Every structure is written in C-alpha cells, then in structure tokens.
mmCIF file of all heavy atoms, coordinates in Angstrom:
data_MODEL
# 
_entry.id   MODEL 
# 
loop_
_atom_site.group_PDB 
_atom_site.id 
_atom_site.type_symbol 
_atom_site.label_atom_id 
_atom_site.label_alt_id 
_atom_site.label_comp_id 
_atom_site.label_asym_id 
_atom_site.label_entity_id 
_atom_site.label_seq_id 
_atom_site.pdbx_PDB_ins_code 
_atom_site.Cartn_x 
_atom_site.Cartn_y 
_atom_site.Cartn_z 
_atom_site.occupancy 
_atom_site.B_iso_or_equiv 
_atom_site.pdbx_formal_charge 
_atom_site.auth_seq_id 
_atom_site.auth_comp_id 
_atom_site.auth_asym_id 
_atom_site.auth_atom_id 
_atom_site.pdbx_PDB_model_num 
ATOM 1   N N   . SER A 1 1  ? 90.380  114.024 76.460 1.00 0.00 ? 1  SER A N   1 
ATOM 2   C CA  . SER A 1 1  ? 90.687  115.015 77.498 1.00 0.00 ? 1  SER A CA  1 
ATOM 3   C C   . SER A 1 1  ? 92.202  115.207 77.494 1.00 0.00 ? 1  SER A C   1 
ATOM 4   O O   . SER A 1 1  ? 92.953  114.239 77.622 1.00 0.00 ? 1  SER A O   1 
ATOM 5   C CB  . SER A 1 1  ? 90.208  114.538 78.868 1.00 0.00 ? 1  SER A CB  1 
ATOM 6   O OG  . SER A 1 1  ? 90.903  113.378 79.265 1.00 0.00 ? 1  SER A OG  1 
ATOM 7   N N   . LEU A 1 2  ? 92.627  116.451 77.299 1.00 0.00 ? 2  LEU A N   1 
ATOM 8   C CA  . LEU A 1 2  ? 94.052  116.771 77.206 1.00 0.00 ? 2  LEU A CA  1 
ATOM 9   C C   . LEU A 1 2  ? 94.490  117.453 78.503 1.00 0.00 ? 2  LEU A C   1 
ATOM 10  O O   . LEU A 1 2  ? 93.971  118.523 78.849 1.00 0.00 ? 2  LEU A O   1 
ATOM 11  C CB  . LEU A 1 2  ? 94.317  117.685 76.009 1.00 0.00 ? 2  LEU A CB  1 
ATOM 12  C CG  . LEU A 1 2  ? 93.862  117.146 74.648 1.00 0.00 ? 2  LEU A CG  1 
ATOM 13  C CD1 . LEU A 1 2  ? 94.063  118.189 73.563 1.00 0.00 ? 2  LEU A CD1 1 
ATOM 14  C CD2 . LEU A 1 2  ? 94.606  115.872 74.294 1.00 0.00 ? 2  LEU A CD2 1 
ATOM 15  N N   . LEU A 1 3  ? 95.426  116.848 79.207 1.00 0.00 ? 3  LEU A N   1 
ATOM 16  C CA  . LEU A 1 3  ? 95.848  117.345 80.511 1.00 0.00 ? 3  LEU A CA  1 
ATOM 17  C C   . LEU A 1 3  ? 97.366  117.442 80.570 1.00 0.00 ? 3  LEU A C   1 
ATOM 18  O O   . LEU A 1 3  ? 98.068  116.520 80.138 1.00 0.00 ? 3  LEU A O   1 
ATOM 19  C CB  . LEU A 1 3  ? 95.344  116.391 81.609 1.00 0.00 ? 3  LEU A CB  1 
ATOM 20  C CG  . LEU A 1 3  ? 95.772  116.676 83.048 1.00 0.00 ? 3  LEU A CG  1 
ATOM 21  C CD1 . LEU A 1 3  ? 95.144  117.986 83.536 1.00 0.00 ? 3  LEU A CD1 1 
ATOM 22  C CD2 . LEU A 1 3  ? 95.356  115.531 83.961 1.00 0.00 ? 3  LEU A CD2 1 
ATOM 23  N N   . VAL A 1 4  ? 97.869  118.571 81.078 1.00 0.00 ? 4  VAL A N   1 
ATOM 24  C CA  . VAL A 1 4  ? 99.304  118.728 81.334 1.00 0.00 ? 4  VAL A CA  1 
ATOM 25  C C   . VAL A 1 4  ? 99.486  118.799 82.843 1.00 0.00 ? 4  VAL A C   1 
ATOM 26  O O   . VAL A 1 4  ? 98.843  119.613 83.514 1.00 0.00 ? 4  VAL A O   1 
ATOM 27  C CB  . VAL A 1 4  ? 99.865  120.004 80.668 1.00 0.00 ? 4  VAL A CB  1 
ATOM 28  C CG1 . VAL A 1 4  ? 101.354 120.152 80.995 1.00 0.00 ? 4  VAL A CG1 1 
ATOM 29  C CG2 . VAL A 1 4  ? 99.653  119.961 79.164 1.00 0.00 ? 4  VAL A CG2 1 
ATOM 30  N N   . ASN A 1 5  ? 100.342 117.946 83.391 1.00 0.00 ? 5  ASN A N   1 
ATOM 31  C CA  . ASN A 1 5  ? 100.490 117.837 84.840 1.00 0.00 ? 5  ASN A CA  1 
ATOM 32  C C   . ASN A 1 5  ? 101.959 117.994 85.222 1.00 0.00 ? 5  ASN A C   1 
ATOM 33  O O   . ASN A 1 5  ? 102.799 117.173 84.842 1.00 0.00 ? 5  ASN A O   1 
ATOM 34  C CB  . ASN A 1 5  ? 99.955  116.474 85.303 1.00 0.00 ? 5  ASN A CB  1 
ATOM 35  C CG  . ASN A 1 5  ? 99.793  116.403 86.805 1.00 0.00 ? 5  ASN A CG  1 
ATOM 36  O OD1 . ASN A 1 5  ? 100.179 117.315 87.526 1.00 0.00 ? 5  ASN A OD1 1 
ATOM 37  N ND2 . ASN A 1 5  ? 99.219  115.312 87.272 1.00 0.00 ? 5  ASN A ND2 1 
ATOM 38  N N   . ARG A 1 6  ? 102.247 119.066 85.964 1.00 0.00 ? 6  ARG A N   1 
ATOM 39  C CA  . ARG A 1 6  ? 103.619 119.262 86.436 1.00 0.00 ? 6  ARG A CA  1 
ATOM 40  C C   . ARG A 1 6  ? 103.896 118.335 87.618 1.00 0.00 ? 6  ARG A C   1 
ATOM 41  O O   . ARG A 1 6  ? 103.137 118.306 88.583 1.00 0.00 ? 6  ARG A O   1 
ATOM 42  C CB  . ARG A 1 6  ? 103.824 120.721 86.845 1.00 0.00 ? 6  ARG A CB  1 
ATOM 43  C CG  . ARG A 1 6  ? 105.250 121.011 87.282 1.00 0.00 ? 6  ARG A CG  1 
ATOM 44  C CD  . ARG A 1 6  ? 105.432 122.475 87.622 1.00 0.00 ? 6  ARG A CD  1 
ATOM 45  N NE  . ARG A 1 6  ? 106.761 122.716 88.143 1.00 0.00 ? 6  ARG A NE  1 
ATOM 46  C CZ  . ARG A 1 6  ? 107.188 123.882 88.595 1.00 0.00 ? 6  ARG A CZ  1 
ATOM 47  N NH1 . ARG A 1 6  ? 106.360 124.928 88.577 1.00 0.00 ? 6  ARG A NH1 1 
ATOM 48  N NH2 . ARG A 1 6  ? 108.404 124.034 89.054 1.00 0.00 ? 6  ARG A NH2 1 
ATOM 49  N N   . THR A 1 7  ? 104.972 117.587 87.517 1.00 0.00 ? 7  THR A N   1 
ATOM 50  C CA  . THR A 1 7  ? 105.326 116.633 88.572 1.00 0.00 ? 7  THR A CA  1 
ATOM 51  C C   . THR A 1 7  ? 106.687 116.998 89.165 1.00 0.00 ? 7  THR A C   1 
ATOM 52  O O   . THR A 1 7  ? 107.540 117.567 88.481 1.00 0.00 ? 7  THR A O   1 
ATOM 53  C CB  . THR A 1 7  ? 105.390 115.198 88.010 1.00 0.00 ? 7  THR A CB  1 
ATOM 54  O OG1 . THR A 1 7  ? 106.283 115.179 86.889 1.00 0.00 ? 7  THR A OG1 1 
ATOM 55  C CG2 . THR A 1 7  ? 104.019 114.721 87.568 1.00 0.00 ? 7  THR A CG2 1 
ATOM 56  N N   . GLN A 1 8  ? 106.863 116.652 90.413 1.00 0.00 ? 8  GLN A N   1 
ATOM 57  C CA  . GLN A 1 8  ? 108.132 116.987 91.086 1.00 0.00 ? 8  GLN A CA  1 
ATOM 58  C C   . GLN A 1 8  ? 109.232 115.977 90.786 1.00 0.00 ? 8  GLN A C   1 
ATOM 59  O O   . GLN A 1 8  ? 110.411 116.312 90.759 1.00 0.00 ? 8  GLN A O   1 
ATOM 60  C CB  . GLN A 1 8  ? 107.897 117.050 92.604 1.00 0.00 ? 8  GLN A CB  1 
ATOM 61  C CG  . GLN A 1 8  ? 106.963 118.158 93.039 1.00 0.00 ? 8  GLN A CG  1 
ATOM 62  C CD  . GLN A 1 8  ? 107.466 119.530 92.660 1.00 0.00 ? 8  GLN A CD  1 
ATOM 63  O OE1 . GLN A 1 8  ? 108.651 119.842 92.814 1.00 0.00 ? 8  GLN A OE1 1 
ATOM 64  N NE2 . GLN A 1 8  ? 106.572 120.364 92.137 1.00 0.00 ? 8  GLN A NE2 1 
ATOM 65  N N   . ASN A 1 9  ? 108.834 114.723 90.562 1.00 0.00 ? 9  ASN A N   1 
ATOM 66  C CA  . ASN A 1 9  ? 109.845 113.669 90.390 1.00 0.00 ? 9  ASN A CA  1 
ATOM 67  C C   . ASN A 1 9  ? 109.236 112.475 89.653 1.00 0.00 ? 9  ASN A C   1 
ATOM 68  O O   . ASN A 1 9  ? 108.042 112.451 89.356 1.00 0.00 ? 9  ASN A O   1 
ATOM 69  C CB  . ASN A 1 9  ? 110.399 113.240 91.751 1.00 0.00 ? 9  ASN A CB  1 
ATOM 70  C CG  . ASN A 1 9  ? 109.278 112.947 92.738 1.00 0.00 ? 9  ASN A CG  1 
ATOM 71  O OD1 . ASN A 1 9  ? 108.282 112.303 92.391 1.00 0.00 ? 9  ASN A OD1 1 
ATOM 72  N ND2 . ASN A 1 9  ? 109.425 113.430 93.978 1.00 0.00 ? 9  ASN A ND2 1 
ATOM 73  N N   . ALA A 1 10 ? 110.077 111.473 89.416 1.00 0.00 ? 10 ALA A N   1 
ATOM 74  C CA  . ALA A 1 10 ? 109.632 110.275 88.691 1.00 0.00 ? 10 ALA A CA  1 
ATOM 75  C C   . ALA A 1 10 ? 108.579 109.503 89.476 1.00 0.00 ? 10 ALA A C   1 
ATOM 76  O O   . ALA A 1 10 ? 107.665 108.915 88.880 1.00 0.00 ? 10 ALA A O   1 
ATOM 77  C CB  . ALA A 1 10 ? 110.831 109.374 88.401 1.00 0.00 ? 10 ALA A CB  1 
ATOM 78  N N   . LYS A 1 11 ? 108.665 109.535 90.799 1.00 0.00 ? 11 LYS A N   1 
ATOM 79  C CA  . LYS A 1 11 ? 107.700 108.810 91.632 1.00 0.00 ? 11 LYS A CA  1 
ATOM 80  C C   . LYS A 1 11 ? 106.279 109.297 91.364 1.00 0.00 ? 11 LYS A C   1 
ATOM 81  O O   . LYS A 1 11 ? 105.341 108.508 91.242 1.00 0.00 ? 11 LYS A O   1 
ATOM 82  C CB  . LYS A 1 11 ? 108.061 108.995 93.106 1.00 0.00 ? 11 LYS A CB  1 
ATOM 83  C CG  . LYS A 1 11 ? 107.194 108.168 94.049 1.00 0.00 ? 11 LYS A CG  1 
ATOM 84  C CD  . LYS A 1 11 ? 107.638 108.366 95.496 1.00 0.00 ? 11 LYS A CD  1 
ATOM 85  C CE  . LYS A 1 11 ? 106.730 107.563 96.440 1.00 0.00 ? 11 LYS A CE  1 
ATOM 86  N NZ  . LYS A 1 11 ? 107.128 107.765 97.857 1.00 0.00 ? 11 LYS A NZ  1 
ATOM 87  N N   . GLU A 1 12 ? 106.113 110.631 91.248 1.00 0.00 ? 12 GLU A N   1 
ATOM 88  C CA  . GLU A 1 12 ? 104.789 111.199 90.943 1.00 0.00 ? 12 GLU A CA  1 
ATOM 89  C C   . GLU A 1 12 ? 104.327 110.771 89.550 1.00 0.00 ? 12 GLU A C   1 
ATOM 90  O O   . GLU A 1 12 ? 103.143 110.512 89.327 1.00 0.00 ? 12 GLU A O   1 
ATOM 91  C CB  . GLU A 1 12 ? 104.823 112.721 91.036 1.00 0.00 ? 12 GLU A CB  1 
ATOM 92  C CG  . GLU A 1 12 ? 104.825 113.242 92.460 1.00 0.00 ? 12 GLU A CG  1 
ATOM 93  C CD  . GLU A 1 12 ? 104.669 114.761 92.503 1.00 0.00 ? 12 GLU A CD  1 
ATOM 94  O OE1 . GLU A 1 12 ? 104.162 115.351 91.522 1.00 0.00 ? 12 GLU A OE1 1 
ATOM 95  O OE2 . GLU A 1 12 ? 105.066 115.352 93.520 1.00 0.00 ? 12 GLU A OE2 1 
ATOM 96  N N   . LYS A 1 13 ? 105.265 110.708 88.619 1.00 0.00 ? 13 LYS A N   1 
ATOM 97  C CA  . LYS A 1 13 ? 104.917 110.277 87.247 1.00 0.00 ? 13 LYS A CA  1 
ATOM 98  C C   . LYS A 1 13 ? 104.409 108.842 87.258 1.00 0.00 ? 13 LYS A C   1 
ATOM 99  O O   . LYS A 1 13 ? 103.410 108.519 86.611 1.00 0.00 ? 13 LYS A O   1 
ATOM 100 C CB  . LYS A 1 13 ? 106.131 110.403 86.324 1.00 0.00 ? 13 LYS A CB  1 
ATOM 101 C CG  . LYS A 1 13 ? 106.527 111.837 86.011 1.00 0.00 ? 13 LYS A CG  1 
ATOM 102 C CD  . LYS A 1 13 ? 107.619 111.867 84.938 1.00 0.00 ? 13 LYS A CD  1 
ATOM 103 C CE  . LYS A 1 13 ? 107.997 113.286 84.574 1.00 0.00 ? 13 LYS A CE  1 
ATOM 104 N NZ  . LYS A 1 13 ? 108.943 113.355 83.447 1.00 0.00 ? 13 LYS A NZ  1 
ATOM 105 N N   . TYR A 1 14 ? 105.114 107.971 87.991 1.00 0.00 ? 14 TYR A N   1 
ATOM 106 C CA  . TYR A 1 14 ? 104.698 106.568 88.053 1.00 0.00 ? 14 TYR A CA  1 
ATOM 107 C C   . TYR A 1 14 ? 103.298 106.443 88.656 1.00 0.00 ? 14 TYR A C   1 
ATOM 108 O O   . TYR A 1 14 ? 102.482 105.627 88.210 1.00 0.00 ? 14 TYR A O   1 
ATOM 109 C CB  . TYR A 1 14 ? 105.690 105.743 88.878 1.00 0.00 ? 14 TYR A CB  1 
ATOM 110 C CG  . TYR A 1 14 ? 107.069 105.632 88.265 1.00 0.00 ? 14 TYR A CG  1 
ATOM 111 C CD1 . TYR A 1 14 ? 108.214 105.732 89.048 1.00 0.00 ? 14 TYR A CD1 1 
ATOM 112 C CD2 . TYR A 1 14 ? 107.223 105.439 86.890 1.00 0.00 ? 14 TYR A CD2 1 
ATOM 113 C CE1 . TYR A 1 14 ? 109.485 105.629 88.496 1.00 0.00 ? 14 TYR A CE1 1 
ATOM 114 C CE2 . TYR A 1 14 ? 108.495 105.343 86.333 1.00 0.00 ? 14 TYR A CE2 1 
ATOM 115 C CZ  . TYR A 1 14 ? 109.618 105.450 87.135 1.00 0.00 ? 14 TYR A CZ  1 
ATOM 116 O OH  . TYR A 1 14 ? 110.865 105.357 86.583 1.00 0.00 ? 14 TYR A OH  1 
ATOM 117 N N   . ALA A 1 15 ? 102.999 107.262 89.669 1.00 0.00 ? 15 ALA A N   1 
ATOM 118 C CA  . ALA A 1 15 ? 101.677 107.209 90.310 1.00 0.00 ? 15 ALA A CA  1 
ATOM 119 C C   . ALA A 1 15 ? 100.586 107.592 89.309 1.00 0.00 ? 15 ALA A C   1 
ATOM 120 O O   . ALA A 1 15 ? 99.517  106.969 89.264 1.00 0.00 ? 15 ALA A O   1 
ATOM 121 C CB  . ALA A 1 15 ? 101.650 108.142 91.519 1.00 0.00 ? 15 ALA A CB  1 
ATOM 122 N N   . ARG A 1 16 ? 100.851 108.623 88.482 1.00 0.00 ? 16 ARG A N   1 
ATOM 123 C CA  . ARG A 1 16 ? 99.873  109.044 87.485 1.00 0.00 ? 16 ARG A CA  1 
ATOM 124 C C   . ARG A 1 16 ? 99.686  107.952 86.420 1.00 0.00 ? 16 ARG A C   1 
ATOM 125 O O   . ARG A 1 16 ? 98.570  107.674 85.978 1.00 0.00 ? 16 ARG A O   1 
ATOM 126 C CB  . ARG A 1 16 ? 100.302 110.353 86.806 1.00 0.00 ? 16 ARG A CB  1 
ATOM 127 C CG  . ARG A 1 16 ? 100.250 111.572 87.689 1.00 0.00 ? 16 ARG A CG  1 
ATOM 128 C CD  . ARG A 1 16 ? 98.860  111.844 88.221 1.00 0.00 ? 16 ARG A CD  1 
ATOM 129 N NE  . ARG A 1 16 ? 97.865  111.990 87.156 1.00 0.00 ? 16 ARG A NE  1 
ATOM 130 C CZ  . ARG A 1 16 ? 96.568  111.819 87.324 1.00 0.00 ? 16 ARG A CZ  1 
ATOM 131 N NH1 . ARG A 1 16 ? 96.085  111.470 88.505 1.00 0.00 ? 16 ARG A NH1 1 
ATOM 132 N NH2 . ARG A 1 16 ? 95.726  111.980 86.313 1.00 0.00 ? 16 ARG A NH2 1 
ATOM 133 N N   . ILE A 1 17 ? 100.781 107.331 86.011 1.00 0.00 ? 17 ILE A N   1 
ATOM 134 C CA  . ILE A 1 17 ? 100.697 106.263 85.007 1.00 0.00 ? 17 ILE A CA  1 
ATOM 135 C C   . ILE A 1 17 ? 99.871  105.099 85.543 1.00 0.00 ? 17 ILE A C   1 
ATOM 136 O O   . ILE A 1 17 ? 98.982  104.575 84.856 1.00 0.00 ? 17 ILE A O   1 
ATOM 137 C CB  . ILE A 1 17 ? 102.110 105.788 84.591 1.00 0.00 ? 17 ILE A CB  1 
ATOM 138 C CG1 . ILE A 1 17 ? 102.805 106.872 83.766 1.00 0.00 ? 17 ILE A CG1 1 
ATOM 139 C CG2 . ILE A 1 17 ? 102.037 104.486 83.793 1.00 0.00 ? 17 ILE A CG2 1 
ATOM 140 C CD1 . ILE A 1 17 ? 104.285 106.601 83.522 1.00 0.00 ? 17 ILE A CD1 1 
ATOM 141 N N   . LEU A 1 18 ? 100.130 104.705 86.801 1.00 0.00 ? 18 LEU A N   1 
ATOM 142 C CA  . LEU A 1 18 ? 99.378  103.592 87.393 1.00 0.00 ? 18 LEU A CA  1 
ATOM 143 C C   . LEU A 1 18 ? 97.898  103.929 87.500 1.00 0.00 ? 18 LEU A C   1 
ATOM 144 O O   . LEU A 1 18 ? 97.042  103.060 87.299 1.00 0.00 ? 18 LEU A O   1 
ATOM 145 C CB  . LEU A 1 18 ? 99.951  103.251 88.770 1.00 0.00 ? 18 LEU A CB  1 
ATOM 146 C CG  . LEU A 1 18 ? 101.291 102.504 88.741 1.00 0.00 ? 18 LEU A CG  1 
ATOM 147 C CD1 . LEU A 1 18 ? 101.938 102.505 90.123 1.00 0.00 ? 18 LEU A CD1 1 
ATOM 148 C CD2 . LEU A 1 18 ? 101.096 101.068 88.238 1.00 0.00 ? 18 LEU A CD2 1 
ATOM 149 N N   . HIS A 1 19 ? 97.584  105.202 87.758 1.00 0.00 ? 19 HIS A N   1 
ATOM 150 C CA  . HIS A 1 19 ? 96.176  105.620 87.789 1.00 0.00 ? 19 HIS A CA  1 
ATOM 151 C C   . HIS A 1 19 ? 95.513  105.363 86.431 1.00 0.00 ? 19 HIS A C   1 
ATOM 152 O O   . HIS A 1 19 ? 94.409  104.811 86.366 1.00 0.00 ? 19 HIS A O   1 
ATOM 153 C CB  . HIS A 1 19 ? 96.095  107.112 88.137 1.00 0.00 ? 19 HIS A CB  1 
ATOM 154 C CG  . HIS A 1 19 ? 94.774  107.734 87.804 1.00 0.00 ? 19 HIS A CG  1 
ATOM 155 N ND1 . HIS A 1 19 ? 93.652  107.562 88.597 1.00 0.00 ? 19 HIS A ND1 1 
ATOM 156 C CD2 . HIS A 1 19 ? 94.373  108.501 86.743 1.00 0.00 ? 19 HIS A CD2 1 
ATOM 157 C CE1 . HIS A 1 19 ? 92.632  108.202 88.044 1.00 0.00 ? 19 HIS A CE1 1 
ATOM 158 N NE2 . HIS A 1 19 ? 93.039  108.777 86.927 1.00 0.00 ? 19 HIS A NE2 1 
ATOM 159 N N   . HIS A 1 20 ? 96.196  105.736 85.349 1.00 0.00 ? 20 HIS A N   1 
ATOM 160 C CA  . HIS A 1 20 ? 95.628  105.548 84.011 1.00 0.00 ? 20 HIS A CA  1 
ATOM 161 C C   . HIS A 1 20 ? 95.536  104.063 83.641 1.00 0.00 ? 20 HIS A C   1 
ATOM 162 O O   . HIS A 1 20 ? 94.561  103.640 83.020 1.00 0.00 ? 20 HIS A O   1 
ATOM 163 C CB  . HIS A 1 20 ? 96.461  106.308 82.974 1.00 0.00 ? 20 HIS A CB  1 
ATOM 164 C CG  . HIS A 1 20 ? 96.262  107.788 83.019 1.00 0.00 ? 20 HIS A CG  1 
ATOM 165 N ND1 . HIS A 1 20 ? 95.076  108.389 82.664 1.00 0.00 ? 20 HIS A ND1 1 
ATOM 166 C CD2 . HIS A 1 20 ? 97.096  108.785 83.388 1.00 0.00 ? 20 HIS A CD2 1 
ATOM 167 C CE1 . HIS A 1 20 ? 95.193  109.702 82.813 1.00 0.00 ? 20 HIS A CE1 1 
ATOM 168 N NE2 . HIS A 1 20 ? 96.407  109.970 83.254 1.00 0.00 ? 20 HIS A NE2 1 
ATOM 169 N N   . VAL A 1 21 ? 96.548  103.297 84.008 1.00 0.00 ? 21 VAL A N   1 
ATOM 170 C CA  . VAL A 1 21 ? 96.533  101.853 83.705 1.00 0.00 ? 21 VAL A CA  1 
ATOM 171 C C   . VAL A 1 21 ? 95.341  101.188 84.388 1.00 0.00 ? 21 VAL A C   1 
ATOM 172 O O   . VAL A 1 21 ? 94.627  100.385 83.769 1.00 0.00 ? 21 VAL A O   1 
ATOM 173 C CB  . VAL A 1 21 ? 97.855  101.184 84.142 1.00 0.00 ? 21 VAL A CB  1 
ATOM 174 C CG1 . VAL A 1 21 ? 97.747  99.672  84.059 1.00 0.00 ? 21 VAL A CG1 1 
ATOM 175 C CG2 . VAL A 1 21 ? 99.011  101.668 83.271 1.00 0.00 ? 21 VAL A CG2 1 
ATOM 176 N N   . ARG A 1 22 ? 95.094  101.545 85.650 1.00 0.00 ? 22 ARG A N   1 
ATOM 177 C CA  . ARG A 1 22 ? 93.996  100.915 86.392 1.00 0.00 ? 22 ARG A CA  1 
ATOM 178 C C   . ARG A 1 22 ? 92.636  101.396 85.907 1.00 0.00 ? 22 ARG A C   1 
ATOM 179 O O   . ARG A 1 22 ? 91.661  100.633 85.903 1.00 0.00 ? 22 ARG A O   1 
ATOM 180 C CB  . ARG A 1 22 ? 94.174  101.179 87.886 1.00 0.00 ? 22 ARG A CB  1 
ATOM 181 C CG  . ARG A 1 22 ? 95.310  100.335 88.476 1.00 0.00 ? 22 ARG A CG  1 
ATOM 182 C CD  . ARG A 1 22 ? 95.832  100.877 89.780 1.00 0.00 ? 22 ARG A CD  1 
ATOM 183 N NE  . ARG A 1 22 ? 96.985  100.089 90.237 1.00 0.00 ? 22 ARG A NE  1 
ATOM 184 C CZ  . ARG A 1 22 ? 97.902  100.539 91.088 1.00 0.00 ? 22 ARG A CZ  1 
ATOM 185 N NH1 . ARG A 1 22 ? 97.820  101.772 91.564 1.00 0.00 ? 22 ARG A NH1 1 
ATOM 186 N NH2 . ARG A 1 22 ? 98.905  99.759  91.434 1.00 0.00 ? 22 ARG A NH2 1 
ATOM 187 N N   . ALA A 1 23 ? 92.577  102.657 85.467 1.00 0.00 ? 23 ALA A N   1 
ATOM 188 C CA  . ALA A 1 23 ? 91.290  103.206 85.017 1.00 0.00 ? 23 ALA A CA  1 
ATOM 189 C C   . ALA A 1 23 ? 90.988  102.865 83.560 1.00 0.00 ? 23 ALA A C   1 
ATOM 190 O O   . ALA A 1 23 ? 89.860  102.520 83.210 1.00 0.00 ? 23 ALA A O   1 
ATOM 191 C CB  . ALA A 1 23 ? 91.285  104.726 85.194 1.00 0.00 ? 23 ALA A CB  1 
ATOM 192 N N   . GLY A 1 24 ? 92.032  102.936 82.720 1.00 0.00 ? 24 GLY A N   1 
ATOM 193 C CA  . GLY A 1 24 ? 91.797  102.787 81.279 1.00 0.00 ? 24 GLY A CA  1 
ATOM 194 C C   . GLY A 1 24 ? 92.211  101.456 80.693 1.00 0.00 ? 24 GLY A C   1 
ATOM 195 O O   . GLY A 1 24 ? 91.768  101.084 79.618 1.00 0.00 ? 24 GLY A O   1 
ATOM 196 N N   . LYS A 1 25 ? 93.089  100.733 81.392 1.00 0.00 ? 25 LYS A N   1 
ATOM 197 C CA  . LYS A 1 25 ? 93.554  99.399  80.991 1.00 0.00 ? 25 LYS A CA  1 
ATOM 198 C C   . LYS A 1 25 ? 94.383  99.391  79.706 1.00 0.00 ? 25 LYS A C   1 
ATOM 199 O O   . LYS A 1 25 ? 95.493  98.911  79.687 1.00 0.00 ? 25 LYS A O   1 
ATOM 200 C CB  . LYS A 1 25 ? 92.383  98.422  80.868 1.00 0.00 ? 25 LYS A CB  1 
ATOM 201 C CG  . LYS A 1 25 ? 91.645  98.171  82.162 1.00 0.00 ? 25 LYS A CG  1 
ATOM 202 C CD  . LYS A 1 25 ? 90.619  97.101  81.997 1.00 0.00 ? 25 LYS A CD  1 
ATOM 203 C CE  . LYS A 1 25 ? 89.855  96.734  83.226 1.00 0.00 ? 25 LYS A CE  1 
ATOM 204 N NZ  . LYS A 1 25 ? 90.061  97.428  84.456 1.00 0.00 ? 25 LYS A NZ  1 
ATOM 205 N N   . ARG A 1 26 ? 93.849  99.883  78.588 1.00 0.00 ? 26 ARG A N   1 
ATOM 206 C CA  . ARG A 1 26 ? 94.559  99.820  77.305 1.00 0.00 ? 26 ARG A CA  1 
ATOM 207 C C   . ARG A 1 26 ? 95.181  101.177 76.989 1.00 0.00 ? 26 ARG A C   1 
ATOM 208 O O   . ARG A 1 26 ? 94.460  102.183 76.910 1.00 0.00 ? 26 ARG A O   1 
ATOM 209 C CB  . ARG A 1 26 ? 93.600  99.440  76.177 1.00 0.00 ? 26 ARG A CB  1 
ATOM 210 C CG  . ARG A 1 26 ? 92.983  98.077  76.330 1.00 0.00 ? 26 ARG A CG  1 
ATOM 211 C CD  . ARG A 1 26 ? 92.012  97.772  75.207 1.00 0.00 ? 26 ARG A CD  1 
ATOM 212 N NE  . ARG A 1 26 ? 90.833  98.619  75.244 1.00 0.00 ? 26 ARG A NE  1 
ATOM 213 C CZ  . ARG A 1 26 ? 89.788  98.411  76.025 1.00 0.00 ? 26 ARG A CZ  1 
ATOM 214 N NH1 . ARG A 1 26 ? 89.769  97.379  76.865 1.00 0.00 ? 26 ARG A NH1 1 
ATOM 215 N NH2 . ARG A 1 26 ? 88.754  99.226  75.992 1.00 0.00 ? 26 ARG A NH2 1 
ATOM 216 N N   . GLY A 1 27 ? 96.511  101.218 76.806 1.00 0.00 ? 27 GLY A N   1 
ATOM 217 C CA  . GLY A 1 27 ? 97.097  102.528 76.542 1.00 0.00 ? 27 GLY A CA  1 
ATOM 218 C C   . GLY A 1 27 ? 98.537  102.493 76.097 1.00 0.00 ? 27 GLY A C   1 
ATOM 219 O O   . GLY A 1 27 ? 99.173  101.436 76.015 1.00 0.00 ? 27 GLY A O   1 
# 
C-alpha cells in the first residue's frame, strides 16, 4: 500500500512512524 501523507511538522511525522512501528514491528 503506497501512501503519501502531508504533515504539518515533525511531531506529526513521529506519530505516523510510531503507528507503523506498533502495527508492523519490522521496518
């Protein structure tokens, strides 16, 4: 699944990364 997500700041980026880490574990 290819997704492009516009973020306002680094804080939003970190939240998205943590979502993937918790859901996918390996990345």
